[in-house]
């Protein structure tokens, strides 16, 4: 079940906002599509990222996929646990499997993202294509 206290990006990333900080991760749908995650290319601290640009890459037994950042800002924290245990993203994508925390340049960008209901509708439309 997708939590409703976060916002969703069409590239299957999520954002949990606290003040000007946004915790970023991949959705449950994304981790299911990827399969077993074996490596996460963590972003560098203080990296400036733009909304809709690549934040990192995830390697699974099926494919290597980019993680697209839903908001712009500077990377202020990364989830070091993923370096040794990338499977946490499969086990707990909305909790301990978070990827990075971004200090947002423009918190209003969050308004462009989807709510849980909008994201679930988006997934249904994608499946029908």
Protein backbone atom coordinates (compact mmCIF):
# COMPACT_ATOMS: atom_id res chain seq x y z
CA UNK A 1 0.00 0.00 0.00
CA UNK A 2 1.33 3.42 -0.95
CA UNK A 3 1.44 5.84 1.99
CA UNK A 4 -0.64 9.00 1.70
CA UNK A 5 1.74 11.31 3.62
CA UNK A 6 4.14 11.53 0.69
CA UNK A 7 4.07 12.83 -2.89
CA UNK A 8 4.83 10.78 -5.98
CA UNK A 9 6.73 11.47 -9.20
CA UNK A 10 5.75 9.94 -12.55
CA UNK A 11 9.16 8.23 -12.68
CA UNK A 12 8.21 6.21 -9.56
CA UNK A 13 10.13 8.18 -6.95
CA UNK A 14 8.56 9.54 -3.77
CA UNK A 15 9.13 12.59 -1.57
CA UNK A 16 8.41 13.08 2.13
CA UNK A 17 8.70 16.77 3.00
CA UNK A 18 9.75 18.20 6.36
CA UNK A 19 10.28 21.96 6.14
CA UNK A 20 12.73 22.60 3.28
CA UNK A 21 14.06 19.03 3.37
CA UNK A 22 12.75 16.29 1.13
CA UNK A 23 13.49 12.63 1.73
CA UNK A 24 13.60 10.77 -1.61
CA UNK A 25 13.10 7.09 -2.35
CA UNK A 26 11.63 4.75 -4.94
CA UNK A 27 8.07 3.50 -4.82
CA UNK A 28 6.95 -0.01 -4.03
CA UNK A 29 5.91 -0.30 -7.69
CA UNK A 30 9.45 0.63 -8.80
CA UNK A 31 11.14 -1.91 -6.53
CA UNK A 32 8.74 -4.64 -7.72
CA UNK A 33 9.51 -3.82 -11.36
CA UNK A 34 13.25 -3.83 -10.68
CA UNK A 35 13.29 -7.11 -8.78
CA UNK A 36 16.14 -7.87 -6.39
CA UNK A 37 18.24 -4.73 -5.95
CA UNK A 38 21.94 -5.58 -5.80
CA UNK A 39 23.65 -2.15 -5.96
CA UNK A 40 22.74 1.48 -5.36
CA UNK A 41 24.92 4.27 -6.76
CA UNK A 42 24.53 6.80 -3.94
CA UNK A 43 24.69 10.48 -4.89
CA UNK A 44 27.54 12.60 -3.54
CA UNK A 45 26.84 14.94 -0.64
CA UNK A 46 26.38 18.59 -1.67
CA UNK A 47 25.54 17.57 -5.26
CA UNK A 48 23.11 20.03 -6.83
CA UNK A 49 20.25 18.26 -8.59
CA UNK A 50 17.41 19.57 -10.73
CA UNK A 51 13.86 18.29 -10.63
CA UNK A 52 13.36 15.61 -13.32
CA UNK A 53 17.11 14.90 -13.55
CA UNK A 54 19.00 11.77 -12.52
CA UNK A 55 19.80 11.54 -8.82
CA UNK A 56 21.37 8.07 -8.79
CA UNK A 57 21.26 4.63 -10.37
CA UNK A 58 19.95 1.36 -9.05
CA UNK A 59 21.18 -1.99 -10.29
CA UNK A 60 18.98 -5.05 -9.94
CA UNK A 61 19.11 -8.61 -11.16
CA UNK A 62 16.93 -7.44 -14.09
CA UNK A 63 18.23 -4.02 -15.10
CA UNK A 64 20.03 -0.81 -14.24
CA UNK A 65 17.63 2.10 -13.81
CA UNK A 66 18.07 5.79 -13.03
CA UNK A 67 16.36 7.36 -10.04
CA UNK A 68 14.84 10.64 -11.22
CA UNK A 69 14.79 13.38 -8.59
CA UNK A 70 11.32 14.83 -8.06
CA UNK A 71 12.58 18.19 -6.69
CA UNK A 72 15.63 20.40 -7.13
CA UNK A 73 18.14 21.23 -4.44
CA UNK A 74 21.30 20.01 -2.76
CA UNK A 75 21.97 16.53 -1.40
CA UNK A 76 22.46 16.93 2.37
CA UNK A 77 22.25 13.31 3.50
CA UNK A 78 22.49 9.87 1.91
CA UNK A 79 21.39 6.49 3.21
CA UNK A 80 24.79 4.87 3.82
CA UNK A 81 23.07 1.60 4.80
CA UNK A 82 22.24 1.01 1.12
CA UNK A 83 25.94 0.66 0.27
CA UNK A 84 26.17 -2.63 2.20
CA UNK A 85 22.50 -3.66 2.10
CA UNK A 86 20.82 -2.43 -1.11
CA UNK A 87 18.03 -4.97 -0.60
CA UNK A 88 16.58 -2.62 2.05
CA UNK A 89 15.01 -0.77 -0.90
CA UNK A 90 13.06 -3.95 -1.71
CA UNK A 91 12.14 -4.71 1.88
CA UNK A 92 11.10 -1.24 3.08
CA UNK A 93 10.89 1.24 0.17
CA UNK A 94 8.95 3.88 2.15
CA UNK A 95 10.91 3.55 5.40
CA UNK A 96 14.50 2.39 5.87
CA UNK A 97 14.95 2.10 2.08
CA UNK A 98 15.05 5.88 1.51
CA UNK A 99 17.82 7.06 -0.80
CA UNK A 100 18.75 10.68 -0.04
CA UNK A 101 17.63 13.88 1.62
CA UNK A 102 17.55 17.03 -0.48
CA UNK A 103 17.57 20.61 0.82
CA UNK A 104 15.04 22.00 -1.64
CA UNK A 105 15.69 25.18 -3.63
CA UNK A 106 11.98 25.67 -4.32
CA UNK A 107 9.58 23.80 -2.00
CA UNK A 108 6.66 24.81 -4.24
CA UNK A 109 7.85 22.12 -6.74
CA UNK A 110 6.24 19.56 -4.44
CA UNK A 111 2.88 20.93 -5.59
CA UNK A 112 3.59 19.52 -9.07
CA UNK A 113 3.81 15.96 -7.73
CA UNK A 114 1.00 13.42 -7.37
CA UNK A 115 -0.97 12.46 -4.28
CA UNK A 116 -1.35 8.76 -3.46
CA UNK A 117 -4.72 8.59 -5.23
CA UNK A 118 -3.35 10.35 -8.32
CA UNK A 119 -0.34 8.02 -8.37
CA UNK A 120 -2.47 4.89 -8.09
CA UNK A 121 -4.67 6.15 -10.94
CA UNK A 122 -1.48 6.86 -12.95
CA UNK A 123 -0.27 3.27 -12.35
CA UNK A 124 -3.60 1.86 -13.58
CA UNK A 125 -3.40 4.00 -16.74
CA UNK A 126 0.20 2.84 -17.33
CA UNK A 127 -0.85 -0.81 -17.05
CA UNK A 128 -3.61 -0.29 -19.60
CA UNK A 129 -1.19 1.02 -22.25
